[in-house]
Amino acid sequence: MPTKSINYYQRAEFFTSVPQPSLAPADSGMEVAFAGRSNAGKSSALNAITSQKALARVSKTPGRTQHLIFFQLDEQRRLVDLPGYGYAQVPLKVKQQWQQAMETYLNQRKTLRGLILLMDIRHPLTDFDNQMLGWCQHFQMPVHILLTKADKLKRAAALNTLMQVKHALADQVNVSLQIFSATKKTGVEEARAIIDNWLEINPKNEKET
């Protein structure tokens, strides 16, 4: 039997997709954004967390997410899929436009309560990841890291990487992390709990409507 939390996130539905923050929905309510290097598994993570198979479009082609995509949970709460940074099979000019749009959103969006940062567990803490973490530290933005695709490693190796990343980030504040696999549903409940806290979701919010 699904839990109340799962029922709540299953409400998520596509709201709008915009090429730049100036076209985003009204800056009111609360949002949690998902960011990560291209092909880190953002769409798969969104689908796993919301218990939906195709809420976010999954592609094996890096750079498929080209806009800021807003998914509505209720009138006051949204999840946001940001364009992947780093490698993407697109022209440099387009990549720079995505980067600028993402940076503007992260810098100016008042409704943003926290950032889910996705890293492939086999290739964590790239230069782009560290740049994102540096920005979040500067603006005191809470970050929760999902070390994705954990099913690609044996459990011992995955836990070892988790400890290495935790050690590397020991001096940073408002940063937490976990192992995650959208395929095996590993860490889904843990990730939901973080988002629950940021979006101030409680049992009253989660009741069926």
Protein backbone atom coordinates (compact mmCIF):
# COMPACT_ATOMS: atom_id res chain seq x y z
CA MET A 1 0.00 0.00 0.00
CA PRO A 2 1.55 3.35 -1.03
CA THR A 3 2.42 5.79 1.74
CA LYS A 4 0.92 9.24 2.03
CA SER A 5 4.20 10.75 0.84
CA ILE A 6 4.14 8.67 -2.36
CA ASN A 7 0.52 9.66 -2.97
CA TYR A 8 1.49 13.31 -2.56
CA TYR A 9 4.35 13.22 -5.08
CA GLN A 10 2.25 11.27 -7.55
CA ARG A 11 0.23 14.47 -7.89
CA ALA A 12 3.12 16.08 -9.76
CA GLU A 13 2.17 17.21 -13.24
CA PHE A 14 3.80 19.20 -15.98
CA PHE A 15 3.11 22.91 -15.53
CA THR A 16 5.25 24.80 -18.03
CA SER A 17 8.58 24.82 -19.85
CA VAL A 18 10.42 28.09 -20.41
CA PRO A 19 13.69 28.96 -22.18
CA GLN A 20 14.57 31.71 -19.69
CA PRO A 21 13.71 32.64 -16.09
CA SER A 22 11.93 35.84 -17.13
CA LEU A 23 9.16 33.62 -18.53
CA ALA A 24 8.88 31.45 -15.41
CA PRO A 25 5.71 31.21 -13.31
CA ALA A 26 5.08 33.89 -10.69
CA ASP A 27 7.85 33.92 -8.08
CA SER A 28 5.61 32.84 -5.20
CA GLY A 29 5.23 29.64 -3.21
CA MET A 30 8.09 27.15 -2.85
CA GLU A 31 10.28 25.27 -5.30
CA VAL A 32 12.95 22.60 -5.21
CA ALA A 33 15.24 22.47 -8.24
CA PHE A 34 17.09 19.50 -9.70
CA ALA A 35 20.49 20.20 -11.23
CA GLY A 36 23.39 18.13 -12.46
CA ARG A 37 25.84 17.42 -15.22
CA SER A 38 24.25 16.34 -18.48
CA ASN A 39 23.24 12.67 -18.33
CA ALA A 40 23.56 12.48 -14.54
CA GLY A 41 20.04 11.09 -14.28
CA LYS A 42 17.86 14.09 -13.38
CA SER A 43 14.82 12.94 -15.33
CA SER A 44 15.07 9.39 -14.01
CA ALA A 45 15.34 10.69 -10.44
CA LEU A 46 12.29 12.93 -10.86
CA ASN A 47 10.29 10.00 -12.22
CA ALA A 48 11.37 7.74 -9.34
CA ILE A 49 10.63 10.34 -6.65
CA THR A 50 7.17 11.05 -8.07
CA SER A 51 6.41 7.37 -8.75
CA GLN A 52 5.67 8.21 -12.37
CA LYS A 53 7.17 6.52 -15.41
CA ALA A 54 7.19 9.48 -17.76
CA LEU A 55 6.73 12.73 -15.84
CA ALA A 56 10.16 13.87 -16.98
CA ARG A 57 11.50 12.86 -20.36
CA VAL A 58 14.38 10.40 -20.12
CA SER A 59 16.99 10.35 -22.85
CA LYS A 60 20.38 8.74 -23.35
CA THR A 61 21.46 11.87 -25.22
CA PRO A 62 23.20 14.37 -22.91
CA GLY A 63 21.67 17.83 -23.01
CA ARG A 64 18.13 16.76 -23.81
CA THR A 65 16.66 19.06 -21.15
CA GLN A 66 16.97 22.44 -22.85
CA HIS A 67 14.50 24.56 -20.87
CA LEU A 68 13.60 25.14 -17.25
CA ILE A 69 10.76 22.66 -16.73
CA PHE A 70 8.27 23.26 -13.92
CA PHE A 71 6.20 20.46 -12.39
CA GLN A 72 3.39 21.45 -10.05
CA LEU A 73 2.66 19.55 -6.84
CA ASP A 74 -0.04 21.91 -5.63
CA GLU A 75 -0.83 25.61 -5.91
CA GLN A 76 2.17 26.55 -3.75
CA ARG A 77 4.76 23.85 -4.46
CA ARG A 78 6.76 22.94 -7.56
CA LEU A 79 9.70 20.81 -8.68
CA VAL A 80 11.98 22.29 -11.34
CA ASP A 81 14.16 20.38 -13.80
CA LEU A 82 17.10 22.61 -14.82
CA PRO A 83 19.15 22.23 -18.01
CA GLY A 84 22.08 19.87 -17.56
CA TYR A 85 25.46 21.56 -17.35
CA GLY A 86 28.79 20.39 -18.67
CA TYR A 87 28.91 18.08 -21.66
CA ALA A 88 26.01 18.25 -24.09
CA GLN A 89 25.75 17.44 -27.77
CA VAL A 90 24.64 20.95 -28.73
CA PRO A 91 26.36 24.02 -30.19
CA LEU A 92 28.43 26.08 -27.77
CA LYS A 93 26.15 29.11 -28.18
CA VAL A 94 23.10 27.09 -27.14
CA LYS A 95 24.99 25.58 -24.20
CA GLN A 96 25.96 29.06 -23.02
CA GLN A 97 22.34 30.18 -23.23
CA TRP A 98 21.26 27.24 -21.04
CA GLN A 99 24.00 28.03 -18.56
CA GLN A 100 22.99 31.67 -18.33
CA ALA A 101 19.32 30.76 -17.85
CA MET A 102 20.15 28.31 -15.09
CA GLU A 103 22.46 30.74 -13.28
CA THR A 104 19.88 33.52 -13.44
CA TYR A 105 17.22 31.23 -12.01
CA LEU A 106 19.44 30.05 -9.16
CA ASN A 107 20.60 33.57 -8.35
CA GLN A 108 17.29 35.40 -8.50
CA ARG A 109 14.47 32.94 -7.81
CA LYS A 110 13.08 33.81 -4.37
CA THR A 111 10.88 30.71 -4.16
CA LEU A 112 13.84 28.31 -4.37
CA ARG A 113 14.14 26.42 -1.07
CA GLY A 114 16.85 23.91 -1.91
CA LEU A 115 18.80 22.25 -4.69
CA ILE A 116 18.94 18.54 -5.42
CA LEU A 117 22.35 18.09 -7.07
CA LEU A 118 22.78 14.88 -9.02
CA MET A 119 26.17 13.30 -9.66
CA ASP A 120 26.91 10.00 -11.37
CA ILE A 121 28.40 7.95 -8.53
CA ARG A 122 31.11 6.75 -10.92
CA HIS A 123 32.20 10.35 -11.69
CA PRO A 124 31.39 12.60 -8.70
CA LEU A 125 32.63 16.12 -7.95
CA THR A 126 33.47 17.24 -11.46
CA ASP A 127 34.62 20.82 -11.99
CA PHE A 128 31.05 21.79 -12.85
CA ASP A 129 29.72 20.14 -9.69
CA ASN A 130 32.25 22.01 -7.58
CA GLN A 131 31.29 25.29 -9.24
CA MET A 132 27.65 24.64 -8.40
CA LEU A 133 28.52 23.78 -4.80
CA GLY A 134 30.62 26.92 -4.53
CA TRP A 135 27.71 29.06 -5.68
CA CYS A 136 25.35 27.40 -3.22
CA GLN A 137 27.79 27.97 -0.37
CA HIS A 138 28.10 31.63 -1.30
CA PHE A 139 24.33 32.16 -1.28
CA GLN A 140 23.73 29.78 1.65
CA MET A 141 21.50 27.55 -0.47
CA PRO A 142 20.83 24.08 1.02
CA VAL A 143 22.04 21.27 -1.21
CA HIS A 144 21.26 17.57 -1.13
CA ILE A 145 23.45 15.41 -3.36
CA LEU A 146 22.13 12.26 -5.01
CA LEU A 147 24.96 9.95 -6.06
CA THR A 148 23.00 8.44 -8.91
CA LYS A 149 23.28 5.17 -10.83
CA ALA A 150 24.43 3.36 -7.68
CA ASP A 151 23.20 0.12 -9.24
CA LYS A 152 26.18 0.34 -11.61
CA LEU A 153 28.54 -0.39 -8.69
CA LYS A 154 28.72 -3.13 -6.09
CA ARG A 155 27.40 -1.98 -2.73
CA ALA A 156 30.83 -1.84 -1.09
CA ALA A 157 32.19 0.34 -3.89
CA ALA A 158 29.14 2.61 -3.75
CA LEU A 159 29.49 3.08 0.01
CA ASN A 160 33.20 3.78 -0.39
CA THR A 161 32.45 6.53 -2.91
CA LEU A 162 29.82 7.95 -0.57
CA MET A 163 32.40 8.21 2.21
CA GLN A 164 34.98 9.77 -0.11
CA VAL A 165 32.57 12.45 -1.28
CA LYS A 166 31.40 13.09 2.29
CA HIS A 167 35.01 13.55 3.38
CA ALA A 168 35.72 15.91 0.46
CA LEU A 169 32.76 18.09 1.46
CA ALA A 170 33.31 17.97 5.21
CA ASP A 171 34.00 21.71 5.44
CA GLN A 172 30.83 22.74 3.60
CA VAL A 173 27.62 23.67 5.41
CA ASN A 174 24.03 22.89 4.42
CA VAL A 175 25.18 20.00 2.25
CA SER A 176 23.93 16.43 2.66
CA LEU A 177 24.30 13.41 0.41
CA GLN A 178 23.12 9.90 -0.22
CA ILE A 179 23.34 6.94 -2.58
CA PHE A 180 20.56 6.83 -5.17
CA SER A 181 19.38 4.51 -7.92
CA ALA A 182 16.28 5.28 -9.94
CA THR A 183 16.41 1.78 -11.42
CA LYS A 184 16.46 -0.03 -8.07
CA LYS A 185 14.54 2.72 -6.22
CA THR A 186 17.44 2.95 -3.77
CA GLY A 187 17.25 6.08 -1.62
CA VAL A 188 13.92 7.31 -2.97
CA GLU A 189 12.29 7.67 0.45
CA GLU A 190 15.37 9.44 1.82
CA ALA A 191 15.28 11.94 -1.04
CA ARG A 192 11.56 12.54 -0.52
CA ALA A 193 12.16 13.27 3.16
CA ILE A 194 14.61 16.04 2.24
CA ILE A 195 12.13 17.58 -0.19
CA ASP A 196 9.33 17.23 2.39
CA ASN A 197 11.37 19.37 4.75
CA TRP A 198 12.25 22.04 2.20
CA LEU A 199 8.70 22.33 0.88
CA GLU A 200 7.21 22.18 4.38
CA ILE A 201 5.13 19.13 3.52
CA ASN A 202 3.33 17.58 6.48
CA PRO A 203 0.53 14.99 6.89
CA LYS A 204 -2.10 17.70 6.45
CA ASN A 205 -0.62 18.63 3.05
CA GLU A 206 -0.44 14.99 2.00
CA LYS A 207 -4.12 14.13 2.47
CA GLU A 208 -5.91 13.06 -0.69
CA THR A 209 -7.93 15.82 -2.31
